Amino acid sequence: MLTQREIRQARLDKDKLRTPRPEITAIGVDFGDNDFHVTFEAVLKILQLAIYERGFQGCRGFPTTREGICAFVNSLSLGAYQVFQNWGSSTPQALKRTEGYLQLDESRILLNEEVGEHLANDTGNFNGHFHYMYTDDLERVYSK
């Protein structure tokens, strides 16, 4: 009997044969506030799940630009905050403020080699505020 990991790998291998590889190989989110690490890890896990379950070809609407990924992250961040970090305990006014605070501009989204360059420029100041994933490793989201 195959393990879950072997089943996932077989599915990924099958997808690689029929799905052209996207231009996006790595996605990084540099939020700058480690208090929201749970939120942004969850956002990237949601993106991973979409890629894993449907493949890039199946996710016709999956963005392949910085602007598109930023829009996805911004649309998912408040929900991820409520579900994974806050557990619905904020007032409507506090949620509105948090929603505004969680919105990123495109300069906070790093793609492909920018992720590696950012990690290589480690000045010792990483404190759980930078989150990243690789599109060919759908098992983990990394934080630095």
N, C-alpha and C. Protein backbone atom coordinates (compact mmCIF):
# COMPACT_ATOMS: atom_id res chain seq x y z
N MET A 1 0.84 -1.18 0.00
CA MET A 1 0.00 0.00 0.00
C MET A 1 0.89 1.24 0.00
N LEU A 2 0.51 2.22 -0.79
CA LEU A 2 1.29 3.45 -0.89
C LEU A 2 1.01 4.37 0.30
N THR A 3 2.04 5.08 0.71
CA THR A 3 1.86 6.07 1.78
C THR A 3 1.27 7.35 1.17
N GLN A 4 0.77 8.21 2.04
CA GLN A 4 0.22 9.49 1.57
C GLN A 4 1.28 10.29 0.82
N ARG A 5 2.50 10.28 1.32
CA ARG A 5 3.60 11.01 0.68
C ARG A 5 3.86 10.46 -0.73
N GLU A 6 3.84 9.13 -0.89
CA GLU A 6 4.07 8.52 -2.20
C GLU A 6 2.93 8.85 -3.16
N ILE A 7 1.73 8.87 -2.65
CA ILE A 7 0.57 9.24 -3.49
C ILE A 7 0.71 10.69 -3.96
N ARG A 8 1.07 11.59 -3.03
CA ARG A 8 1.25 13.00 -3.40
C ARG A 8 2.35 13.15 -4.43
N GLN A 9 3.46 12.44 -4.24
CA GLN A 9 4.58 12.55 -5.17
C GLN A 9 4.18 12.03 -6.55
N ALA A 10 3.43 10.93 -6.59
CA ALA A 10 2.97 10.40 -7.87
C ALA A 10 2.07 11.40 -8.57
N ARG A 11 1.21 12.05 -7.80
CA ARG A 11 0.32 13.06 -8.38
C ARG A 11 1.13 14.25 -8.92
N LEU A 12 2.14 14.68 -8.17
CA LEU A 12 3.00 15.77 -8.63
C LEU A 12 3.76 15.38 -9.88
N ASP A 13 4.30 14.16 -9.91
CA ASP A 13 5.04 13.70 -11.09
C ASP A 13 4.12 13.67 -12.31
N LYS A 14 2.90 13.21 -12.13
CA LYS A 14 1.93 13.16 -13.22
C LYS A 14 1.62 14.57 -13.71
N ASP A 15 1.43 15.51 -12.78
CA ASP A 15 1.15 16.89 -13.15
C ASP A 15 2.31 17.53 -13.91
N LYS A 16 3.53 17.17 -13.55
CA LYS A 16 4.69 17.73 -14.23
C LYS A 16 4.70 17.33 -15.69
N LEU A 17 4.21 16.13 -16.00
CA LEU A 17 4.20 15.67 -17.37
C LEU A 17 3.17 16.41 -18.23
N ARG A 18 2.05 16.78 -17.64
CA ARG A 18 1.00 17.39 -18.45
C ARG A 18 0.85 18.89 -18.22
N THR A 19 1.51 19.41 -17.22
CA THR A 19 1.34 20.82 -16.89
C THR A 19 2.64 21.56 -17.15
N PRO A 20 2.60 22.56 -18.03
CA PRO A 20 3.82 23.33 -18.23
C PRO A 20 4.22 24.04 -16.94
N ARG A 21 5.51 24.08 -16.67
CA ARG A 21 5.97 24.74 -15.46
C ARG A 21 5.72 26.23 -15.57
N PRO A 22 5.27 26.83 -14.51
CA PRO A 22 4.98 28.26 -14.53
C PRO A 22 6.26 29.08 -14.46
N GLU A 23 6.11 30.35 -14.70
CA GLU A 23 7.25 31.26 -14.57
C GLU A 23 7.60 31.45 -13.10
N ILE A 24 6.66 31.19 -12.21
CA ILE A 24 6.88 31.41 -10.78
C ILE A 24 7.47 30.14 -10.16
N THR A 25 8.68 30.25 -9.60
CA THR A 25 9.31 29.11 -8.93
C THR A 25 9.39 29.32 -7.43
N ALA A 26 9.33 30.57 -6.98
CA ALA A 26 9.39 30.88 -5.55
C ALA A 26 8.57 32.14 -5.29
N ILE A 27 7.88 32.15 -4.17
CA ILE A 27 7.09 33.31 -3.76
C ILE A 27 7.50 33.66 -2.33
N GLY A 28 7.81 34.93 -2.10
CA GLY A 28 8.16 35.39 -0.77
C GLY A 28 7.28 36.56 -0.37
N VAL A 29 6.93 36.62 0.90
CA VAL A 29 6.14 37.73 1.45
C VAL A 29 6.96 38.33 2.58
N ASP A 30 7.36 39.57 2.41
CA ASP A 30 8.14 40.28 3.43
C ASP A 30 7.21 41.27 4.12
N PHE A 31 6.50 40.77 5.14
CA PHE A 31 5.51 41.62 5.81
C PHE A 31 6.15 42.61 6.76
N GLY A 32 7.20 42.21 7.43
CA GLY A 32 7.90 43.15 8.30
C GLY A 32 7.43 43.15 9.74
N ASP A 33 6.37 42.41 10.06
CA ASP A 33 5.87 42.37 11.43
C ASP A 33 5.67 40.90 11.79
N ASN A 34 6.52 40.39 12.65
CA ASN A 34 6.46 38.96 12.96
C ASN A 34 5.23 38.58 13.79
N ASP A 35 4.48 39.55 14.30
CA ASP A 35 3.26 39.23 15.04
C ASP A 35 2.21 38.55 14.15
N PHE A 36 2.37 38.69 12.84
CA PHE A 36 1.40 38.12 11.91
C PHE A 36 1.97 36.95 11.13
N HIS A 37 2.97 36.27 11.70
CA HIS A 37 3.58 35.16 10.98
C HIS A 37 2.58 34.04 10.72
N VAL A 38 1.69 33.78 11.64
CA VAL A 38 0.71 32.71 11.45
C VAL A 38 -0.20 33.05 10.25
N THR A 39 -0.58 34.30 10.15
CA THR A 39 -1.45 34.73 9.05
C THR A 39 -0.79 34.49 7.70
N PHE A 40 0.45 34.94 7.54
CA PHE A 40 1.08 34.85 6.22
C PHE A 40 1.58 33.45 5.90
N GLU A 41 1.91 32.67 6.90
CA GLU A 41 2.18 31.25 6.64
C GLU A 41 0.92 30.58 6.11
N ALA A 42 -0.22 30.90 6.70
CA ALA A 42 -1.49 30.32 6.25
C ALA A 42 -1.83 30.75 4.83
N VAL A 43 -1.59 32.01 4.50
CA VAL A 43 -1.86 32.49 3.13
C VAL A 43 -1.04 31.69 2.13
N LEU A 44 0.25 31.51 2.41
CA LEU A 44 1.08 30.74 1.48
C LEU A 44 0.67 29.28 1.43
N LYS A 45 0.22 28.72 2.55
CA LYS A 45 -0.26 27.34 2.54
C LYS A 45 -1.52 27.20 1.69
N ILE A 46 -2.37 28.22 1.72
CA ILE A 46 -3.57 28.20 0.87
C ILE A 46 -3.16 28.21 -0.60
N LEU A 47 -2.18 29.04 -0.95
CA LEU A 47 -1.69 29.07 -2.34
C LEU A 47 -1.08 27.72 -2.71
N GLN A 48 -0.32 27.12 -1.78
CA GLN A 48 0.25 25.80 -2.03
C GLN A 48 -0.84 24.77 -2.29
N LEU A 49 -1.87 24.81 -1.48
CA LEU A 49 -2.96 23.85 -1.63
C LEU A 49 -3.62 23.98 -3.01
N ALA A 50 -3.81 25.21 -3.45
CA ALA A 50 -4.39 25.42 -4.78
C ALA A 50 -3.50 24.83 -5.87
N ILE A 51 -2.21 25.06 -5.77
CA ILE A 51 -1.28 24.51 -6.76
C ILE A 51 -1.26 22.99 -6.68
N TYR A 52 -1.19 22.47 -5.48
CA TYR A 52 -1.11 21.02 -5.29
C TYR A 52 -2.36 20.31 -5.79
N GLU A 53 -3.51 20.82 -5.41
CA GLU A 53 -4.76 20.14 -5.75
C GLU A 53 -5.12 20.24 -7.22
N ARG A 54 -4.78 21.36 -7.83
CA ARG A 54 -5.26 21.58 -9.19
C ARG A 54 -4.14 21.69 -10.21
N GLY A 55 -2.89 21.84 -9.74
CA GLY A 55 -1.79 22.07 -10.67
C GLY A 55 -1.93 23.46 -11.27
N PHE A 56 -0.90 23.95 -11.85
CA PHE A 56 -0.98 25.29 -12.43
C PHE A 56 -1.97 25.36 -13.57
N GLN A 57 -2.07 24.28 -14.33
CA GLN A 57 -3.01 24.26 -15.45
C GLN A 57 -4.45 24.28 -14.94
N GLY A 58 -4.72 23.53 -13.86
CA GLY A 58 -6.06 23.51 -13.29
C GLY A 58 -6.44 24.81 -12.62
N CYS A 59 -5.45 25.54 -12.14
CA CYS A 59 -5.70 26.85 -11.51
C CYS A 59 -5.54 27.93 -12.58
N ARG A 60 -6.48 27.95 -13.51
CA ARG A 60 -6.37 28.89 -14.62
C ARG A 60 -6.23 30.32 -14.14
N GLY A 61 -6.81 30.63 -13.01
CA GLY A 61 -6.74 31.99 -12.51
C GLY A 61 -5.56 32.24 -11.60
N PHE A 62 -4.68 31.24 -11.43
CA PHE A 62 -3.53 31.45 -10.54
C PHE A 62 -2.62 32.50 -11.15
N PRO A 63 -2.29 33.53 -10.40
CA PRO A 63 -1.52 34.63 -10.97
C PRO A 63 -0.07 34.24 -11.23
N THR A 64 0.49 34.82 -12.26
CA THR A 64 1.90 34.60 -12.57
C THR A 64 2.66 35.92 -12.62
N THR A 65 2.08 36.97 -12.05
CA THR A 65 2.75 38.26 -11.97
C THR A 65 2.80 38.70 -10.51
N ARG A 66 3.70 39.61 -10.22
CA ARG A 66 3.81 40.17 -8.87
C ARG A 66 2.50 40.83 -8.46
N GLU A 67 1.90 41.57 -9.38
CA GLU A 67 0.65 42.26 -9.09
C GLU A 67 -0.47 41.28 -8.76
N GLY A 68 -0.55 40.22 -9.55
CA GLY A 68 -1.58 39.22 -9.32
C GLY A 68 -1.40 38.47 -8.01
N ILE A 69 -0.16 38.10 -7.70
CA ILE A 69 0.10 37.41 -6.44
C ILE A 69 -0.17 38.32 -5.27
N CYS A 70 0.19 39.59 -5.40
CA CYS A 70 -0.09 40.56 -4.33
C CYS A 70 -1.59 40.67 -4.10
N ALA A 71 -2.36 40.72 -5.17
CA ALA A 71 -3.83 40.80 -5.04
C ALA A 71 -4.37 39.55 -4.34
N PHE A 72 -3.86 38.35 -4.70
CA PHE A 72 -4.29 37.13 -4.03
C PHE A 72 -3.96 37.17 -2.55
N VAL A 73 -2.73 37.54 -2.22
CA VAL A 73 -2.31 37.61 -0.82
C VAL A 73 -3.19 38.59 -0.05
N ASN A 74 -3.43 39.75 -0.64
CA ASN A 74 -4.26 40.74 0.04
C ASN A 74 -5.70 40.26 0.23
N SER A 75 -6.22 39.52 -0.74
CA SER A 75 -7.60 39.05 -0.60
C SER A 75 -7.72 37.92 0.42
N LEU A 76 -6.66 37.17 0.63
CA LEU A 76 -6.70 36.04 1.57
C LEU A 76 -6.29 36.41 3.00
N SER A 77 -5.58 37.51 3.18
CA SER A 77 -4.93 37.76 4.47
C SER A 77 -5.91 37.97 5.63
N LEU A 78 -7.00 38.70 5.45
CA LEU A 78 -7.91 38.91 6.58
C LEU A 78 -8.59 37.60 6.99
N GLY A 79 -9.02 36.82 6.01
CA GLY A 79 -9.64 35.53 6.34
C GLY A 79 -8.67 34.61 7.04
N ALA A 80 -7.41 34.57 6.56
CA ALA A 80 -6.39 33.73 7.22
C ALA A 80 -6.14 34.23 8.63
N TYR A 81 -6.13 35.53 8.82
CA TYR A 81 -5.95 36.11 10.15
C TYR A 81 -7.07 35.65 11.09
N GLN A 82 -8.30 35.75 10.61
CA GLN A 82 -9.44 35.38 11.46
C GLN A 82 -9.45 33.89 11.79
N VAL A 83 -9.17 33.06 10.82
CA VAL A 83 -9.27 31.61 11.01
C VAL A 83 -8.07 31.05 11.76
N PHE A 84 -6.87 31.46 11.40
CA PHE A 84 -5.67 30.82 11.94
C PHE A 84 -5.02 31.56 13.10
N GLN A 85 -5.30 32.83 13.26
CA GLN A 85 -4.58 33.57 14.29
C GLN A 85 -5.50 34.20 15.33
N ASN A 86 -6.60 34.80 14.91
CA ASN A 86 -7.42 35.58 15.82
C ASN A 86 -8.60 34.80 16.36
N TRP A 87 -9.04 33.82 15.67
CA TRP A 87 -10.16 32.97 16.06
C TRP A 87 -11.45 33.76 16.22
N GLY A 88 -11.60 34.81 15.44
CA GLY A 88 -12.86 35.55 15.43
C GLY A 88 -13.15 36.37 16.66
N SER A 89 -12.13 36.74 17.43
CA SER A 89 -12.41 37.44 18.68
C SER A 89 -12.30 38.96 18.58
N SER A 90 -12.16 39.51 17.40
CA SER A 90 -12.05 40.97 17.25
C SER A 90 -13.41 41.61 17.03
N THR A 91 -13.49 42.87 17.39
CA THR A 91 -14.68 43.65 17.09
C THR A 91 -14.66 44.02 15.61
N PRO A 92 -15.79 44.40 15.03
CA PRO A 92 -15.80 44.81 13.62
C PRO A 92 -14.85 45.98 13.35
N GLN A 93 -14.75 46.90 14.29
CA GLN A 93 -13.85 48.05 14.11
C GLN A 93 -12.39 47.60 14.10
N ALA A 94 -12.05 46.69 15.00
CA ALA A 94 -10.67 46.18 15.06
C ALA A 94 -10.34 45.39 13.80
N LEU A 95 -11.30 44.62 13.29
CA LEU A 95 -11.07 43.87 12.06
C LEU A 95 -10.84 44.79 10.88
N LYS A 96 -11.55 45.88 10.83
CA LYS A 96 -11.38 46.84 9.74
C LYS A 96 -9.97 47.43 9.77
N ARG A 97 -9.50 47.79 10.97
CA ARG A 97 -8.13 48.32 11.10
C ARG A 97 -7.11 47.25 10.70
N THR A 98 -7.33 46.01 11.16
CA THR A 98 -6.40 44.93 10.85
C THR A 98 -6.39 44.65 9.36
N GLU A 99 -7.54 44.69 8.73
CA GLU A 99 -7.61 44.46 7.28
C GLU A 99 -6.74 45.46 6.55
N GLY A 100 -6.82 46.73 6.93
CA GLY A 100 -5.98 47.74 6.30
C GLY A 100 -4.50 47.51 6.57
N TYR A 101 -4.18 47.10 7.78
CA TYR A 101 -2.80 46.87 8.16
C TYR A 101 -2.19 45.70 7.39
N LEU A 102 -2.99 44.69 7.11
CA LEU A 102 -2.48 43.49 6.44
C LEU A 102 -2.28 43.67 4.94
N GLN A 103 -2.77 44.74 4.38
CA GLN A 103 -2.65 44.95 2.94
C GLN A 103 -1.21 45.28 2.56
N LEU A 104 -0.70 44.56 1.60
CA LEU A 104 0.68 44.73 1.14
C LEU A 104 0.72 45.50 -0.17
N ASP A 105 1.82 46.22 -0.38
CA ASP A 105 2.03 46.74 -1.72
C ASP A 105 2.95 45.76 -2.45
N GLU A 106 3.03 45.89 -3.73
CA GLU A 106 3.73 44.90 -4.56
C GLU A 106 5.20 44.76 -4.22
N SER A 107 5.80 45.79 -3.63
CA SER A 107 7.23 45.71 -3.29
C SER A 107 7.49 44.68 -2.19
N ARG A 108 6.46 44.25 -1.47
CA ARG A 108 6.62 43.26 -0.39
C ARG A 108 6.52 41.82 -0.89
N ILE A 109 6.21 41.65 -2.17
CA ILE A 109 6.13 40.32 -2.78
C ILE A 109 7.43 40.09 -3.56
N LEU A 110 8.12 39.02 -3.20
CA LEU A 110 9.36 38.67 -3.90
C LEU A 110 9.12 37.40 -4.70
N LEU A 111 9.67 37.37 -5.90
CA LEU A 111 9.47 36.23 -6.79
C LEU A 111 10.81 35.66 -7.25
N ASN A 112 10.80 34.36 -7.43
CA ASN A 112 11.90 33.61 -8.01
C ASN A 112 13.23 33.94 -7.36
N GLU A 113 14.20 34.41 -8.13
CA GLU A 113 15.55 34.64 -7.58
C GLU A 113 15.58 35.74 -6.53
N GLU A 114 14.58 36.62 -6.51
CA GLU A 114 14.53 37.65 -5.46
C GLU A 114 14.44 37.02 -4.07
N VAL A 115 13.76 35.89 -3.98
CA VAL A 115 13.65 35.20 -2.69
C VAL A 115 15.03 34.75 -2.22
N GLY A 116 15.78 34.11 -3.10
CA GLY A 116 17.13 33.67 -2.76
C GLY A 116 18.05 34.83 -2.43
N GLU A 117 17.95 35.91 -3.19
CA GLU A 117 18.78 37.09 -2.92
C GLU A 117 18.45 37.68 -1.55
N HIS A 118 17.16 37.73 -1.23
CA HIS A 118 16.75 38.26 0.07
C HIS A 118 17.31 37.40 1.21
N LEU A 119 17.24 36.09 1.03
CA LEU A 119 17.77 35.19 2.06
C LEU A 119 19.29 35.29 2.16
N ALA A 120 19.95 35.48 1.01
CA ALA A 120 21.41 35.59 1.01
C ALA A 120 21.88 36.87 1.69
N ASN A 121 21.05 37.89 1.70
CA ASN A 121 21.40 39.16 2.34
C ASN A 121 21.02 39.17 3.81
N ASP A 122 21.03 38.02 4.42
CA ASP A 122 20.67 37.89 5.83
C ASP A 122 21.65 38.70 6.67
N THR A 123 21.13 39.73 7.31
CA THR A 123 21.96 40.56 8.18
C THR A 123 21.76 40.19 9.64
N GLY A 124 21.11 39.08 9.87
CA GLY A 124 20.83 38.67 11.25
C GLY A 124 19.57 39.30 11.79
N ASN A 125 18.85 40.02 10.94
CA ASN A 125 17.64 40.72 11.38
C ASN A 125 16.36 39.96 11.09
N PHE A 126 16.46 38.76 10.54
CA PHE A 126 15.26 38.00 10.29
C PHE A 126 14.64 37.62 11.63
N ASN A 127 13.34 37.83 11.73
CA ASN A 127 12.67 37.57 13.00
C ASN A 127 11.28 37.00 12.78
N GLY A 128 11.15 36.13 11.80
CA GLY A 128 9.86 35.52 11.53
C GLY A 128 8.91 36.41 10.75
N HIS A 129 9.42 37.42 10.08
CA HIS A 129 8.56 38.33 9.32
C HIS A 129 8.60 38.06 7.82
N PHE A 130 9.50 37.16 7.37
CA PHE A 130 9.61 36.84 5.95
C PHE A 130 9.18 35.40 5.75
N HIS A 131 8.24 35.19 4.83
CA HIS A 131 7.68 33.86 4.57
C HIS A 131 7.85 33.56 3.09
N TYR A 132 8.18 32.31 2.79
CA TYR A 132 8.40 31.98 1.39
C TYR A 132 8.08 30.51 1.13
N MET A 133 7.85 30.23 -0.14
CA MET A 133 7.55 28.88 -0.59
C MET A 133 8.14 28.68 -1.97
N TYR A 134 8.39 27.43 -2.30
CA TYR A 134 8.83 27.06 -3.63
C TYR A 134 7.70 26.29 -4.30
N THR A 135 7.46 26.59 -5.56
CA THR A 135 6.32 25.96 -6.23
C THR A 135 6.57 24.50 -6.58
N ASP A 136 7.81 24.04 -6.46
CA ASP A 136 8.06 22.61 -6.69
C ASP A 136 8.21 21.85 -5.37
N ASP A 137 8.01 22.52 -4.25
CA ASP A 137 8.04 21.89 -2.92
C ASP A 137 6.74 22.28 -2.23
N LEU A 138 5.72 21.50 -2.44
CA LEU A 138 4.40 21.85 -1.94
C LEU A 138 4.11 21.26 -0.57
N GLU A 139 5.15 20.92 0.14
CA GLU A 139 4.99 20.35 1.47
C GLU A 139 5.22 21.37 2.58
N ARG A 140 6.00 22.43 2.29
CA ARG A 140 6.40 23.33 3.37
C ARG A 140 6.31 24.79 2.96
N VAL A 141 6.04 25.60 3.97
CA VAL A 141 6.19 27.05 3.89
C VAL A 141 7.30 27.38 4.87
N TYR A 142 8.19 28.22 4.45
CA TYR A 142 9.35 28.57 5.28
C TYR A 142 9.19 29.97 5.85
N SER A 143 9.74 30.18 7.03
CA SER A 143 9.74 31.49 7.65
C SER A 143 11.15 31.81 8.10
N LYS A 144 11.48 33.05 7.98
CA LYS A 144 12.82 33.48 8.39
C LYS A 144 12.69 34.79 9.12
